[in-house]
Amino acid sequence: MTMKNPCHPGEIVREAITEGLGISITDAAEGLGISRKQLSAIMNARAGISPEMAMRLEKGVGSTAEQWLRMQMAYDLAQARKGAQRIKVRKLEPA
């Protein structure tokens, strides 16, 4: 069963870091080995979670890299489905 409107995984990252761990974005970015700007972009849904970032989150925040990537994929697919009517495709038939 798919969620119709899953949140961007950056929202989960924000909650885990600021509320769960109670640390600043600057300290979290340093701990994850990324720039504050890069972490801020993820937390504010301006950037997605790549496989490398998923591994950093697994090591630094918790949950598995696969879970972070599943959240990103669910979000991306939900966004694509919102614009599905713009995708024009002809059903392919055997020759």
PDB file of N, CA and C in Angstrom:
ATOM      1  N   MET A   1       0.851  -1.179   0.000  1.00  0.00           N
ATOM      2  CA  MET A   1       0.000   0.000   0.000  1.00  0.00           C
ATOM      3  C   MET A   1       0.896   1.241   0.000  1.00  0.00           C
ATOM      4  N   THR A   2       0.673   2.136  -0.933  1.00  0.00           N
ATOM      5  CA  THR A   2       1.497   3.334  -1.034  1.00  0.00           C
ATOM      6  C   THR A   2       0.792   4.523  -0.388  1.00  0.00           C
ATOM      7  N   MET A   3       1.591   5.413   0.145  1.00  0.00           N
ATOM      8  CA  MET A   3       1.035   6.634   0.713  1.00  0.00           C
ATOM      9  C   MET A   3       0.744   7.605  -0.420  1.00  0.00           C
ATOM     10  N   LYS A   4      -0.389   8.291  -0.350  1.00  0.00           N
ATOM     11  CA  LYS A   4      -0.739   9.234  -1.401  1.00  0.00           C
ATOM     12  C   LYS A   4       0.088  10.508  -1.322  1.00  0.00           C
ATOM     13  N   ASN A   5       0.465  10.910  -0.134  1.00  0.00           N
ATOM     14  CA  ASN A   5       1.211  12.148   0.020  1.00  0.00           C
ATOM     15  C   ASN A   5       2.270  11.998   1.116  1.00  0.00           C
ATOM     16  N   PRO A   6       3.298  11.184   0.870  1.00  0.00           N
ATOM     17  CA  PRO A   6       4.328  11.026   1.901  1.00  0.00           C
ATOM     18  C   PRO A   6       5.128  12.310   2.059  1.00  0.00           C
ATOM     19  N   CYS A   7       5.620  12.524   3.264  1.00  0.00           N
ATOM     20  CA  CYS A   7       6.445  13.714   3.499  1.00  0.00           C
ATOM     21  C   CYS A   7       7.824  13.510   2.892  1.00  0.00           C
ATOM     22  N   HIS A   8       8.486  14.613   2.627  1.00  0.00           N
ATOM     23  CA  HIS A   8       9.868  14.562   2.151  1.00  0.00           C
ATOM     24  C   HIS A   8      10.706  14.016   3.307  1.00  0.00           C
ATOM     25  N   PRO A   9      11.650  13.103   3.027  1.00  0.00           N
ATOM     26  CA  PRO A   9      12.446  12.538   4.119  1.00  0.00           C
ATOM     27  C   PRO A   9      13.255  13.572   4.884  1.00  0.00           C
ATOM     28  N   GLY A  10      13.464  14.740   4.300  1.00  0.00           N
ATOM     29  CA  GLY A  10      14.157  15.809   5.014  1.00  0.00           C
ATOM     30  C   GLY A  10      13.419  16.238   6.272  1.00  0.00           C
ATOM     31  N   GLU A  11      12.079  16.118   6.252  1.00  0.00           N
ATOM     32  CA  GLU A  11      11.302  16.444   7.449  1.00  0.00           C
ATOM     33  C   GLU A  11      11.647  15.478   8.577  1.00  0.00           C
ATOM     34  N   ILE A  12      11.840  14.208   8.239  1.00  0.00           N
ATOM     35  CA  ILE A  12      12.208  13.199   9.238  1.00  0.00           C
ATOM     36  C   ILE A  12      13.619  13.484   9.750  1.00  0.00           C
ATOM     37  N   VAL A  13      14.514  13.863   8.843  1.00  0.00           N
ATOM     38  CA  VAL A  13      15.877  14.209   9.234  1.00  0.00           C
ATOM     39  C   VAL A  13      15.845  15.377  10.210  1.00  0.00           C
ATOM     40  N   ARG A  14      15.065  16.406   9.896  1.00  0.00           N
ATOM     41  CA  ARG A  14      14.968  17.584  10.759  1.00  0.00           C
ATOM     42  C   ARG A  14      14.475  17.191  12.153  1.00  0.00           C
ATOM     43  N   GLU A  15      13.402  16.402  12.193  1.00  0.00           N
ATOM     44  CA  GLU A  15      12.867  15.981  13.486  1.00  0.00           C
ATOM     45  C   GLU A  15      13.874  15.145  14.269  1.00  0.00           C
ATOM     46  N   ALA A  16      14.552  14.235  13.586  1.00  0.00           N
ATOM     47  CA  ALA A  16      15.523  13.365  14.252  1.00  0.00           C
ATOM     48  C   ALA A  16      16.682  14.164  14.839  1.00  0.00           C
ATOM     49  N   ILE A  17      17.121  15.169  14.103  1.00  0.00           N
ATOM     50  CA  ILE A  17      18.288  15.941  14.550  1.00  0.00           C
ATOM     51  C   ILE A  17      17.914  17.001  15.574  1.00  0.00           C
ATOM     52  N   THR A  18      16.953  17.835  15.253  1.00  0.00           N
ATOM     53  CA  THR A  18      16.654  18.960  16.139  1.00  0.00           C
ATOM     54  C   THR A  18      15.831  18.549  17.357  1.00  0.00           C
ATOM     55  N   GLU A  19      14.832  17.679  17.153  1.00  0.00           N
ATOM     56  CA  GLU A  19      13.982  17.285  18.281  1.00  0.00           C
ATOM     57  C   GLU A  19      14.515  16.029  18.969  1.00  0.00           C
ATOM     58  N   GLY A  20      14.859  15.019  18.174  1.00  0.00           N
ATOM     59  CA  GLY A  20      15.313  13.757  18.751  1.00  0.00           C
ATOM     60  C   GLY A  20      16.662  13.855  19.430  1.00  0.00           C
ATOM     61  N   LEU A  21      17.628  14.415  18.739  1.00  0.00           N
ATOM     62  CA  LEU A  21      18.979  14.518  19.284  1.00  0.00           C
ATOM     63  C   LEU A  21      19.244  15.851  19.975  1.00  0.00           C
ATOM     64  N   GLY A  22      18.471  16.864  19.625  1.00  0.00           N
ATOM     65  CA  GLY A  22      18.626  18.174  20.250  1.00  0.00           C
ATOM     66  C   GLY A  22      19.927  18.873  19.911  1.00  0.00           C
ATOM     67  N   ILE A  23      20.430  18.667  18.694  1.00  0.00           N
ATOM     68  CA  ILE A  23      21.672  19.339  18.299  1.00  0.00           C
ATOM     69  C   ILE A  23      21.389  20.312  17.163  1.00  0.00           C
ATOM     70  N   SER A  24      22.295  21.228  16.971  1.00  0.00           N
ATOM     71  CA  SER A  24      22.112  22.242  15.935  1.00  0.00           C
ATOM     72  C   SER A  24      22.370  21.654  14.548  1.00  0.00           C
ATOM     73  N   ILE A  25      21.874  22.349  13.551  1.00  0.00           N
ATOM     74  CA  ILE A  25      22.098  21.934  12.169  1.00  0.00           C
ATOM     75  C   ILE A  25      23.594  21.999  11.855  1.00  0.00           C
ATOM     76  N   THR A  26      24.260  23.002  12.351  1.00  0.00           N
ATOM     77  CA  THR A  26      25.696  23.144  12.116  1.00  0.00           C
ATOM     78  C   THR A  26      26.460  21.961  12.692  1.00  0.00           C
ATOM     79  N   ASP A  27      26.152  21.588  13.920  1.00  0.00           N
ATOM     80  CA  ASP A  27      26.834  20.450  14.554  1.00  0.00           C
ATOM     81  C   ASP A  27      26.490  19.138  13.844  1.00  0.00           C
ATOM     82  N   ALA A  28      25.243  18.998  13.436  1.00  0.00           N
ATOM     83  CA  ALA A  28      24.826  17.782  12.735  1.00  0.00           C
ATOM     84  C   ALA A  28      25.546  17.668  11.399  1.00  0.00           C
ATOM     85  N   ALA A  29      25.619  18.765  10.668  1.00  0.00           N
ATOM     86  CA  ALA A  29      26.299  18.755   9.368  1.00  0.00           C
ATOM     87  C   ALA A  29      27.766  18.373   9.552  1.00  0.00           C
ATOM     88  N   GLU A  30      28.399  18.945  10.544  1.00  0.00           N
ATOM     89  CA  GLU A  30      29.803  18.619  10.809  1.00  0.00           C
ATOM     90  C   GLU A  30      29.946  17.133  11.131  1.00  0.00           C
ATOM     91  N   GLY A  31      29.056  16.613  11.959  1.00  0.00           N
ATOM     92  CA  GLY A  31      29.105  15.201  12.322  1.00  0.00           C
ATOM     93  C   GLY A  31      28.867  14.275  11.144  1.00  0.00           C
ATOM     94  N   LEU A  32      28.016  14.703  10.209  1.00  0.00           N
ATOM     95  CA  LEU A  32      27.730  13.897   9.018  1.00  0.00           C
ATOM     96  C   LEU A  32      28.788  14.068   7.930  1.00  0.00           C
ATOM     97  N   GLY A  33      29.676  15.035   8.106  1.00  0.00           N
ATOM     98  CA  GLY A  33      30.731  15.266   7.124  1.00  0.00           C
ATOM     99  C   GLY A  33      30.255  15.971   5.872  1.00  0.00           C
ATOM    100  N   ILE A  34      29.236  16.841   6.037  1.00  0.00           N
ATOM    101  CA  ILE A  34      28.694  17.606   4.912  1.00  0.00           C
ATOM    102  C   ILE A  34      28.602  19.069   5.318  1.00  0.00           C
ATOM    103  N   SER A  35      28.293  19.910   4.350  1.00  0.00           N
ATOM    104  CA  SER A  35      28.152  21.337   4.665  1.00  0.00           C
ATOM    105  C   SER A  35      26.787  21.603   5.303  1.00  0.00           C
ATOM    106  N   ARG A  36      26.742  22.696   6.047  1.00  0.00           N
ATOM    107  CA  ARG A  36      25.477  23.112   6.660  1.00  0.00           C
ATOM    108  C   ARG A  36      24.454  23.401   5.563  1.00  0.00           C
ATOM    109  N   LYS A  37      24.914  23.999   4.473  1.00  0.00           N
ATOM    110  CA  LYS A  37      24.042  24.336   3.356  1.00  0.00           C
ATOM    111  C   LYS A  37      23.408  23.066   2.762  1.00  0.00           C
ATOM    112  N   GLN A  38      24.217  22.016   2.619  1.00  0.00           N
ATOM    113  CA  GLN A  38      23.709  20.758   2.060  1.00  0.00           C
ATOM    114  C   GLN A  38      22.664  20.136   2.990  1.00  0.00           C
ATOM    115  N   LEU A  39      22.931  20.116   4.289  1.00  0.00           N
ATOM    116  CA  LEU A  39      21.964  19.555   5.235  1.00  0.00           C
ATOM    117  C   LEU A  39      20.695  20.387   5.278  1.00  0.00           C
ATOM    118  N   SER A  40      20.837  21.695   5.251  1.00  0.00           N
ATOM    119  CA  SER A  40      19.682  22.584   5.247  1.00  0.00           C
ATOM    120  C   SER A  40      18.811  22.347   4.020  1.00  0.00           C
ATOM    121  N   ALA A  41      19.433  22.137   2.861  1.00  0.00           N
ATOM    122  CA  ALA A  41      18.674  21.875   1.634  1.00  0.00           C
ATOM    123  C   ALA A  41      17.855  20.593   1.760  1.00  0.00           C
ATOM    124  N   ILE A  42      18.424  19.579   2.373  1.00  0.00           N
ATOM    125  CA  ILE A  42      17.673  18.325   2.572  1.00  0.00           C
ATOM    126  C   ILE A  42      16.532  18.553   3.552  1.00  0.00           C
ATOM    127  N   MET A  43      16.829  19.190   4.669  1.00  0.00           N
ATOM    128  CA  MET A  43      15.814  19.409   5.706  1.00  0.00           C
ATOM    129  C   MET A  43      14.659  20.273   5.223  1.00  0.00           C
ATOM    130  N   ASN A  44      14.920  21.140   4.248  1.00  0.00           N
ATOM    131  CA  ASN A  44      13.878  22.032   3.732  1.00  0.00           C
ATOM    132  C   ASN A  44      13.315  21.560   2.394  1.00  0.00           C
ATOM    133  N   ALA A  45      13.524  20.275   2.082  1.00  0.00           N
ATOM    134  CA  ALA A  45      12.968  19.621   0.887  1.00  0.00           C
ATOM    135  C   ALA A  45      13.411  20.267  -0.421  1.00  0.00           C
ATOM    136  N   ARG A  46      14.602  20.877  -0.419  1.00  0.00           N
ATOM    137  CA  ARG A  46      15.151  21.441  -1.653  1.00  0.00           C
ATOM    138  C   ARG A  46      16.151  20.490  -2.296  1.00  0.00           C
ATOM    139  N   ALA A  47      16.488  19.409  -1.592  1.00  0.00           N
ATOM    140  CA  ALA A  47      17.407  18.398  -2.121  1.00  0.00           C
ATOM    141  C   ALA A  47      16.939  17.040  -1.623  1.00  0.00           C
ATOM    142  N   GLY A  48      17.231  16.032  -2.422  1.00  0.00           N
ATOM    143  CA  GLY A  48      16.857  14.676  -2.056  1.00  0.00           C
ATOM    144  C   GLY A  48      17.986  13.950  -1.345  1.00  0.00           C
ATOM    145  N   ILE A  49      17.670  12.745  -0.919  1.00  0.00           N
ATOM    146  CA  ILE A  49      18.654  11.911  -0.246  1.00  0.00           C
ATOM    147  C   ILE A  49      19.243  10.936  -1.253  1.00  0.00           C
ATOM    148  N   SER A  50      20.542  11.070  -1.487  1.00  0.00           N
ATOM    149  CA  SER A  50      21.278  10.195  -2.402  1.00  0.00           C
ATOM    150  C   SER A  50      21.698   8.931  -1.646  1.00  0.00           C
ATOM    151  N   PRO A  51      22.159   7.910  -2.367  1.00  0.00           N
ATOM    152  CA  PRO A  51      22.658   6.725  -1.668  1.00  0.00           C
ATOM    153  C   PRO A  51      23.777   7.048  -0.674  1.00  0.00           C
ATOM    154  N   GLU A  52      24.698   7.935  -1.058  1.00  0.00           N
ATOM    155  CA  GLU A  52      25.772   8.300  -0.125  1.00  0.00           C
ATOM    156  C   GLU A  52      25.224   8.998   1.104  1.00  0.00           C
ATOM    157  N   MET A  53      24.278   9.907   0.896  1.00  0.00           N
ATOM    158  CA  MET A  53      23.684  10.604   2.035  1.00  0.00           C
ATOM    159  C   MET A  53      22.918   9.633   2.917  1.00  0.00           C
ATOM    160  N   ALA A  54      22.261   8.657   2.302  1.00  0.00           N
ATOM    161  CA  ALA A  54      21.534   7.648   3.073  1.00  0.00           C
ATOM    162  C   ALA A  54      22.497   6.884   3.990  1.00  0.00           C
ATOM    163  N   MET A  55      23.685   6.596   3.494  1.00  0.00           N
ATOM    164  CA  MET A  55      24.677   5.902   4.324  1.00  0.00           C
ATOM    165  C   MET A  55      25.167   6.802   5.456  1.00  0.00           C
ATOM    166  N   ARG A  56      25.344   8.085   5.162  1.00  0.00           N
ATOM    167  CA  ARG A  56      25.760   9.026   6.209  1.00  0.00           C
ATOM    168  C   ARG A  56      24.683   9.100   7.301  1.00  0.00           C
ATOM    169  N   LEU A  57      23.412   9.155   6.874  1.00  0.00           N
ATOM    170  CA  LEU A  57      22.320   9.214   7.842  1.00  0.00           C
ATOM    171  C   LEU A  57      22.222   7.922   8.649  1.00  0.00           C
ATOM    172  N   GLU A  58      22.439   6.794   7.995  1.00  0.00           N
ATOM    173  CA  GLU A  58      22.433   5.513   8.697  1.00  0.00           C
ATOM    174  C   GLU A  58      23.467   5.514   9.817  1.00  0.00           C
ATOM    175  N   LYS A  59      24.666   5.974   9.500  1.00  0.00           N
ATOM    176  CA  LYS A  59      25.755   5.978  10.482  1.00  0.00           C
ATOM    177  C   LYS A  59      25.568   7.056  11.552  1.00  0.00           C
ATOM    178  N   GLY A  60      25.018   8.212  11.151  1.00  0.00           N
ATOM    179  CA  GLY A  60      24.943   9.335  12.080  1.00  0.00           C
ATOM    180  C   GLY A  60      23.646   9.488  12.838  1.00  0.00           C
ATOM    181  N   VAL A  61      22.537   9.123  12.209  1.00  0.00           N
ATOM    182  CA  VAL A  61      21.230   9.372  12.807  1.00  0.00           C
ATOM    183  C   VAL A  61      20.549   8.077  13.225  1.00  0.00           C
ATOM    184  N   GLY A  62      20.690   7.062  12.392  1.00  0.00           N
ATOM    185  CA  GLY A  62      20.017   5.800  12.654  1.00  0.00           C
ATOM    186  C   GLY A  62      19.142   5.414  11.484  1.00  0.00           C
ATOM    187  N   SER A  63      18.412   4.328  11.640  1.00  0.00           N
ATOM    188  CA  SER A  63      17.632   3.717  10.573  1.00  0.00           C
ATOM    189  C   SER A  63      18.619   3.224   9.512  1.00  0.00           C
ATOM    190  N   THR A  64      18.132   2.503   8.551  1.00  0.00           N
ATOM    191  CA  THR A  64      19.046   1.948   7.555  1.00  0.00           C
ATOM    192  C   THR A  64      19.095   2.841   6.318  1.00  0.00           C
ATOM    193  N   ALA A  65      20.177   2.713   5.575  1.00  0.00           N
ATOM    194  CA  ALA A  65      20.291   3.460   4.319  1.00  0.00           C
ATOM    195  C   ALA A  65      19.135   3.090   3.397  1.00  0.00           C
ATOM    196  N   GLU A  66      18.758   1.816   3.395  1.00  0.00           N
ATOM    197  CA  GLU A  66      17.639   1.373   2.551  1.00  0.00           C
ATOM    198  C   GLU A  66      16.336   2.072   2.937  1.00  0.00           C
ATOM    199  N   GLN A  67      16.119   2.257   4.230  1.00  0.00           N
ATOM    200  CA  GLN A  67      14.899   2.935   4.682  1.00  0.00           C
ATOM    201  C   GLN A  67      14.895   4.391   4.246  1.00  0.00           C
ATOM    202  N   TRP A  68      16.033   5.074   4.348  1.00  0.00           N
ATOM    203  CA  TRP A  68      16.105   6.468   3.896  1.00  0.00           C
ATOM    204  C   TRP A  68      15.818   6.557   2.400  1.00  0.00           C
ATOM    205  N   LEU A  69      16.374   5.617   1.631  1.00  0.00           N
ATOM    206  CA  LEU A  69      16.154   5.630   0.179  1.00  0.00           C
ATOM    207  C   LEU A  69      14.717   5.265  -0.171  1.00  0.00           C
ATOM    208  N   ARG A  70      14.094   4.369   0.589  1.00  0.00           N
ATOM    209  CA  ARG A  70      12.673   4.046   0.351  1.00  0.00           C
ATOM    210  C   ARG A  70      11.801   5.268   0.589  1.00  0.00           C
ATOM    211  N   MET A  71      12.110   6.027   1.637  1.00  0.00           N
ATOM    212  CA  MET A  71      11.342   7.252   1.909  1.00  0.00           C
ATOM    213  C   MET A  71      11.491   8.242   0.761  1.00  0.00           C
ATOM    214  N   GLN A  72      12.728   8.395   0.260  1.00  0.00           N
ATOM    215  CA  GLN A  72      12.966   9.316  -0.852  1.00  0.00           C
ATOM    216  C   GLN A  72      12.226   8.857  -2.097  1.00  0.00           C
ATOM    217  N   MET A  73      12.276   7.549  -2.388  1.00  0.00           N
ATOM    218  CA  MET A  73      11.605   7.022  -3.570  1.00  0.00           C
ATOM    219  C   MET A  73      10.086   7.194  -3.470  1.00  0.00           C
ATOM    220  N   ALA A  74       9.527   6.953  -2.295  1.00  0.00           N
ATOM    221  CA  ALA A  74       8.088   7.115  -2.107  1.00  0.00           C
ATOM    222  C   ALA A  74       7.676   8.565  -2.333  1.00  0.00           C
ATOM    223  N   TYR A  75       8.475   9.486  -1.818  1.00  0.00           N
ATOM    224  CA  TYR A  75       8.196  10.907  -2.014  1.00  0.00           C
ATOM    225  C   TYR A  75       8.290  11.284  -3.491  1.00  0.00           C
ATOM    226  N   ASP A  76       9.374  10.852  -4.148  1.00  0.00           N
ATOM    227  CA  ASP A  76       9.578  11.180  -5.567  1.00  0.00           C
ATOM    228  C   ASP A  76       8.463  10.612  -6.433  1.00  0.00           C
ATOM    229  N   LEU A  77       8.051   9.378  -6.166  1.00  0.00           N
ATOM    230  CA  LEU A  77       6.988   8.754  -6.944  1.00  0.00           C
ATOM    231  C   LEU A  77       5.656   9.472  -6.729  1.00  0.00           C
ATOM    232  N   ALA A  78       5.375   9.869  -5.496  1.00  0.00           N
ATOM    233  CA  ALA A  78       4.145  10.611  -5.219  1.00  0.00           C
ATOM    234  C   ALA A  78       4.136  11.937  -5.973  1.00  0.00           C
ATOM    235  N   GLN A  79       5.293  12.601  -6.034  1.00  0.00           N
ATOM    236  CA  GLN A  79       5.380  13.861  -6.777  1.00  0.00           C
ATOM    237  C   GLN A  79       5.157  13.625  -8.270  1.00  0.00           C
ATOM    238  N   ALA A  80       5.723  12.544  -8.801  1.00  0.00           N
ATOM    239  CA  ALA A  80       5.547  12.221 -10.219  1.00  0.00           C
ATOM    240  C   ALA A  80       4.083  11.896 -10.517  1.00  0.00           C
ATOM    241  N   ARG A  81       3.425  11.170  -9.610  1.00  0.00           N
ATOM    242  CA  ARG A  81       2.012  10.805  -9.828  1.00  0.00           C
ATOM    243  C   ARG A  81       1.119  12.039  -9.870  1.00  0.00           C
ATOM    244  N   LYS A  82       1.488  13.080  -9.145  1.00  0.00           N
ATOM    245  CA  LYS A  82       0.697  14.315  -9.169  1.00  0.00           C
ATOM    246  C   LYS A  82       0.663  14.910 -10.566  1.00  0.00           C
ATOM    247  N   GLY A  83       1.708  14.693 -11.352  1.00  0.00           N
ATOM    248  CA  GLY A  83       1.765  15.225 -12.710  1.00  0.00           C
ATOM    249  C   GLY A  83       1.574  14.162 -13.778  1.00  0.00           C
ATOM    250  N   ALA A  84       1.005  13.023 -13.409  1.00  0.00           N
ATOM    251  CA  ALA A  84       0.882  11.890 -14.334  1.00  0.00           C
ATOM    252  C   ALA A  84       0.073  12.225 -15.584  1.00  0.00           C
ATOM    253  N   GLN A  85      -0.880  13.121 -15.482  1.00  0.00           N
ATOM    254  CA  GLN A  85      -1.702  13.454 -16.648  1.00  0.00           C
ATOM    255  C   GLN A  85      -0.888  14.139 -17.741  1.00  0.00           C
ATOM    256  N   ARG A  86       0.255  14.717 -17.379  1.00  0.00           N
ATOM    257  CA  ARG A  86       1.114  15.372 -18.382  1.00  0.00           C
ATOM    258  C   ARG A  86       1.989  14.377 -19.133  1.00  0.00           C
ATOM    259  N   ILE A  87       2.081  13.150 -18.634  1.00  0.00           N
ATOM    260  CA  ILE A  87       2.933  12.137 -19.262  1.00  0.00           C
ATOM    261  C   ILE A  87       2.129  11.441 -20.352  1.00  0.00           C
ATOM    262  N   LYS A  88       2.512  11.676 -21.578  1.00  0.00           N
ATOM    263  CA  LYS A  88       1.804  11.100 -22.727  1.00  0.00           C
ATOM    264  C   LYS A  88       2.552   9.879 -23.219  1.00  0.00           C
ATOM    265  N   VAL A  89       1.877   8.746 -23.195  1.00  0.00           N
ATOM    266  CA  VAL A  89       2.486   7.478 -23.595  1.00  0.00           C
ATOM    267  C   VAL A  89       1.471   6.683 -24.389  1.00  0.00           C
ATOM    268  N   ARG A  90       1.958   6.004 -25.412  1.00  0.00           N
ATOM    269  CA  ARG A  90       1.124   5.077 -26.177  1.00  0.00           C
ATOM    270  C   ARG A  90       1.463   3.690 -25.701  1.00  0.00           C
ATOM    271  N   LYS A  91       0.446   2.887 -25.399  1.00  0.00           N
ATOM    272  CA  LYS A  91       0.677   1.530 -24.941  1.00  0.00           C
ATOM    273  C   LYS A  91       1.382   0.757 -26.052  1.00  0.00           C
ATOM    274  N   LEU A  92       2.450   0.070 -25.691  1.00  0.00           N
ATOM    275  CA  LEU A  92       3.213  -0.714 -26.656  1.00  0.00           C
ATOM    276  C   LEU A  92       2.575  -2.073 -26.850  1.00  0.00           C
ATOM    277  N   GLU A  93       2.436  -2.461 -28.072  1.00  0.00           N
ATOM    278  CA  GLU A  93       1.816  -3.757 -28.434  1.00  0.00           C
ATOM    279  C   GLU A  93       2.852  -4.610 -29.137  1.00  0.00           C
ATOM    280  N   PRO A  94       2.700  -5.932 -29.043  1.00  0.00           N
ATOM    281  CA  PRO A  94       3.618  -6.820 -29.773  1.00  0.00           C
ATOM    282  C   PRO A  94       3.545  -6.557 -31.278  1.00  0.00           C
ATOM    283  N   ALA A  95       4.646  -6.722 -31.947  1.00  0.00           N
ATOM    284  CA  ALA A  95       4.704  -6.479 -33.392  1.00  0.00           C
ATOM    285  C   ALA A  95       3.981  -7.556 -34.167  1.00  0.00           C
TER     286      ALA A  95
END
